[in-house]
C-alpha atoms as a PDB file:
ATOM      1  CA  UNK A   1      -0.088  -0.025  -0.127  1.00  0.00           C
ATOM      2  CA  UNK A   2       1.301   3.250  -0.918  1.00  0.00           C
ATOM      3  CA  UNK A   3       1.279   6.292   1.218  1.00  0.00           C
ATOM      4  CA  UNK A   4      -0.629   8.116  -1.608  1.00  0.00           C
ATOM      5  CA  UNK A   5      -3.516   5.514  -1.241  1.00  0.00           C
ATOM      6  CA  UNK A   6      -3.414   5.840   2.617  1.00  0.00           C
ATOM      7  CA  UNK A   7      -3.634   9.750   2.432  1.00  0.00           C
ATOM      8  CA  UNK A   8      -6.507   9.403  -0.301  1.00  0.00           C
ATOM      9  CA  UNK A   9      -8.453   7.104   2.053  1.00  0.00           C
ATOM     10  CA  UNK A  10      -7.877   9.345   5.089  1.00  0.00           C
ATOM     11  CA  UNK A  11      -9.060  12.388   3.233  1.00  0.00           C
ATOM     12  CA  UNK A  12     -12.123  10.606   1.750  1.00  0.00           C
ATOM     13  CA  UNK A  13     -13.177   9.784   5.423  1.00  0.00           C
ATOM     14  CA  UNK A  14     -12.384  13.169   6.710  1.00  0.00           C
ATOM     15  CA  UNK A  15     -14.637  14.637   4.083  1.00  0.00           C
ATOM     16  CA  UNK A  16     -17.335  12.245   4.627  1.00  0.00           C
ATOM     17  CA  UNK A  17     -17.163  10.045   7.831  1.00  0.00           C
ATOM     18  CA  UNK A  18     -20.410   8.471   7.286  1.00  0.00           C
ATOM     19  CA  UNK A  19     -19.260   7.097   3.986  1.00  0.00           C
ATOM     20  CA  UNK A  20     -19.366   3.376   3.431  1.00  0.00           C
ATOM     21  CA  UNK A  21     -16.166   1.496   2.621  1.00  0.00           C
ATOM     22  CA  UNK A  22     -17.868   0.197  -0.618  1.00  0.00           C
ATOM     23  CA  UNK A  23     -18.533   3.901  -1.640  1.00  0.00           C
ATOM     24  CA  UNK A  24     -14.814   4.905  -0.902  1.00  0.00           C
ATOM     25  CA  UNK A  25     -13.379   1.969  -2.703  1.00  0.00           C
ATOM     26  CA  UNK A  26     -15.526   2.755  -5.861  1.00  0.00           C
ATOM     27  CA  UNK A  27     -14.546   6.472  -5.559  1.00  0.00           C
ATOM     28  CA  UNK A  28     -10.718   5.735  -5.240  1.00  0.00           C
ATOM     29  CA  UNK A  29     -10.677   2.873  -7.495  1.00  0.00           C
ATOM     30  CA  UNK A  30      -9.131   0.652  -4.785  1.00  0.00           C
ATOM     31  CA  UNK A  31     -10.415  -2.821  -3.645  1.00  0.00           C
ATOM     32  CA  UNK A  32     -12.832  -2.623  -0.749  1.00  0.00           C
ATOM     33  CA  UNK A  33     -10.573  -5.075   1.211  1.00  0.00           C
ATOM     34  CA  UNK A  34      -7.747  -2.584   0.980  1.00  0.00           C
ATOM     35  CA  UNK A  35      -9.827   0.348   2.050  1.00  0.00           C
ATOM     36  CA  UNK A  36     -10.778  -1.935   5.248  1.00  0.00           C
ATOM     37  CA  UNK A  37      -7.111  -2.764   5.839  1.00  0.00           C
ATOM     38  CA  UNK A  38      -5.935   0.877   5.751  1.00  0.00           C
ATOM     39  CA  UNK A  39      -8.704   1.772   7.892  1.00  0.00           C
ATOM     40  CA  UNK A  40      -7.922  -0.733  10.532  1.00  0.00           C
ATOM     41  CA  UNK A  41      -4.146  -1.224  10.399  1.00  0.00           C
ATOM     42  CA  UNK A  42      -2.875   2.050   9.275  1.00  0.00           C
ATOM     43  CA  UNK A  43      -5.415   4.685  10.468  1.00  0.00           C
ATOM     44  CA  UNK A  44      -6.692   2.649  13.393  1.00  0.00           C
ATOM     45  CA  UNK A  45     -10.436   3.485  12.543  1.00  0.00           C
ATOM     46  CA  UNK A  46     -13.143   1.015  12.789  1.00  0.00           C
ATOM     47  CA  UNK A  47     -16.403   1.030  11.066  1.00  0.00           C
ATOM     48  CA  UNK A  48     -19.600   0.665  12.906  1.00  0.00           C
ATOM     49  CA  UNK A  49     -23.269   0.363  11.944  1.00  0.00           C
ATOM     50  CA  UNK A  50     -25.514   2.962  13.181  1.00  0.00           C
ATOM     51  CA  UNK A  51     -28.601   1.357  14.653  1.00  0.00           C
ATOM     52  CA  UNK A  52     -31.852   2.548  15.861  1.00  0.00           C
ATOM     53  CA  UNK A  53     -32.495   1.210  19.387  1.00  0.00           C
ATOM     54  CA  UNK A  54     -35.590   1.735  21.730  1.00  0.00           C
ATOM     55  CA  UNK A  55     -35.031   3.523  24.932  1.00  0.00           C
ATOM     56  CA  UNK A  56     -35.532   1.538  28.077  1.00  0.00           C
ATOM     57  CA  UNK A  57     -38.607   2.476  30.054  1.00  0.00           C
ATOM     58  CA  UNK A  58     -39.152   2.084  33.829  1.00  0.00           C
ATOM     59  CA  UNK A  59     -41.343  -0.832  33.576  1.00  0.00           C
ATOM     60  CA  UNK A  60     -38.945  -2.725  31.244  1.00  0.00           C
ATOM     61  CA  UNK A  61     -36.759  -4.374  34.053  1.00  0.00           C
ATOM     62  CA  UNK A  62     -39.631  -6.268  35.589  1.00  0.00           C
ATOM     63  CA  UNK A  63     -41.004  -7.377  32.314  1.00  0.00           C
ATOM     64  CA  UNK A  64     -37.675  -8.732  31.251  1.00  0.00           C
ATOM     65  CA  UNK A  65     -37.099 -10.502  34.490  1.00  0.00           C
ATOM     66  CA  UNK A  66     -40.778 -12.127  33.996  1.00  0.00           C
ATOM     67  CA  UNK A  67     -39.723 -13.134  30.602  1.00  0.00           C
ATOM     68  CA  UNK A  68     -36.346 -14.715  31.813  1.00  0.00           C
ATOM     69  CA  UNK A  69     -38.199 -16.651  34.574  1.00  0.00           C
ATOM     70  CA  UNK A  70     -40.763 -17.916  31.859  1.00  0.00           C
ATOM     71  CA  UNK A  71     -37.933 -19.027  29.601  1.00  0.00           C
ATOM     72  CA  UNK A  72     -36.295 -20.885  32.483  1.00  0.00           C
ATOM     73  CA  UNK A  73     -39.511 -22.776  33.442  1.00  0.00           C
ATOM     74  CA  UNK A  74     -39.838 -23.799  29.737  1.00  0.00           C
ATOM     75  CA  UNK A  75     -36.127 -24.859  29.556  1.00  0.00           C
ATOM     76  CA  UNK A  76     -36.543 -26.972  32.618  1.00  0.00           C
ATOM     77  CA  UNK A  77     -39.771 -28.576  31.337  1.00  0.00           C
ATOM     78  CA  UNK A  78     -37.988 -29.427  28.083  1.00  0.00           C
ATOM     79  CA  UNK A  79     -34.831 -30.733  29.864  1.00  0.00           C
ATOM     80  CA  UNK A  80     -36.925 -33.003  32.080  1.00  0.00           C
ATOM     81  CA  UNK A  81     -38.908 -34.381  28.965  1.00  0.00           C
ATOM     82  CA  UNK A  82     -35.740 -34.952  27.127  1.00  0.00           C
ATOM     83  CA  UNK A  83     -33.937 -36.773  30.053  1.00  0.00           C
ATOM     84  CA  UNK A  84     -36.886 -39.064  30.600  1.00  0.00           C
ATOM     85  CA  UNK A  85     -36.809 -39.838  26.839  1.00  0.00           C
ATOM     86  CA  UNK A  86     -33.163 -40.637  26.920  1.00  0.00           C
ATOM     87  CA  UNK A  87     -33.448 -42.682  29.913  1.00  0.00           C
ATOM     88  CA  UNK A  88     -36.171 -44.752  28.376  1.00  0.00           C
ATOM     89  CA  UNK A  89     -34.156 -45.159  25.210  1.00  0.00           C
ATOM     90  CA  UNK A  90     -31.216 -46.570  27.108  1.00  0.00           C
ATOM     91  CA  UNK A  91     -33.395 -49.188  28.774  1.00  0.00           C
ATOM     92  CA  UNK A  92     -32.903 -52.715  27.236  1.00  0.00           C
ATOM     93  CA  UNK A  93     -35.621 -53.929  25.073  1.00  0.00           C
ATOM     94  CA  UNK A  94     -37.624 -56.629  26.823  1.00  0.00           C
ATOM     95  CA  UNK A  95     -40.318 -58.293  24.759  1.00  0.00           C
ATOM     96  CA  UNK A  96     -43.770 -58.852  26.267  1.00  0.00           C
ATOM     97  CA  UNK A  97     -45.065 -62.152  26.806  1.00  0.00           C
END
């Protein structure tokens, strides 16, 4: 990687920090992997995806705890059913007379 390419990538992202690596690679006529490597290894910059998240409300804590309790109960039921099934599968077959 030449210093010219590194400088071009740096300038491109300084002009437009929200630019995608795909757009930058098309604009600079450089492979996308090269842009990624320059960002990570030479410039110590890391891409991230902006996501829209919901804010937590005061009643979300108890609701999440209740959901976790229900999940644990269902998991225990499934585990018990599976253990009984496996136990029965391990018993030797005895023909009925």
